Amino acid sequence: MISIPVVRRHLTSDLLGRHIYLFGEGASAGAVLRRLADAGAQEGTVVLTDDGEMHMHAAALLRPVLPLGAVETFASIATLALAEAIEGTDGFGPIATPVWPDRVEIDDTTVGTSFVKVATATERLDFVILGVSVSVQALEAAAARSYDPNALIAAWLNGLDRWSTAYAARGPAVAAGAVRFRHRGAMSRREPSLGRV
């Protein structure tokens, strides 16, 4: 069960999670956050939904400075951050493989997906919503371990914060390089992740 106070205890991001909203079954995290963003929600606002059927949905509002043509590459950071969150930092997580543009797999089983929503003001990008949906049941079966949804959400938000910071500092090459590296399946649990930025 998702709990905002528990998610907050795992957060290290100063930006993502300043405002967190939790909705129940039937709500769409992306759609709810889109309405909040249109109403002027602050960057870093997060919407979580819990459908009561072992599915976790999270969406985060970002207001990056980037051209519209870069949105697809920027959006890949959601998938990268999810793969890292699933792998964990304890060395005991499974190898999570991003399958571009919007899936994460463990041994050919899809355990999570990502999505992006954007809004523009004339020719300028106004905001980007990055989100993920995870089948906790499929994830735990494929990984042969249990997951705390709250820790998983926080790990995704922390990773998303690191990736967005790296993207702002170094541009699309940081995401594109990680996409190419991880897509080849070259990662070992003993090798450092390009996502640890």
Foldseek 3Di string as FASTA:
>chain_A
DADLVLLVVQAPDPQASPAEAEEEAPDAQVVVVVVVVVVPDDFNYKYWYYHPQQKTKMKGKHFDFDFPVCVQLLLQLLQVLLQDLQQDDPLLGARWFRDPPFFIDQPPHTFKTKDKDWDADVRGTGIMMIMMMGRQVSSCVSGVHHDDVSNSVNSSSNLSSQSVVCCNVPNSCLSVVLNVVRNVVPDDSPDDRSSPD
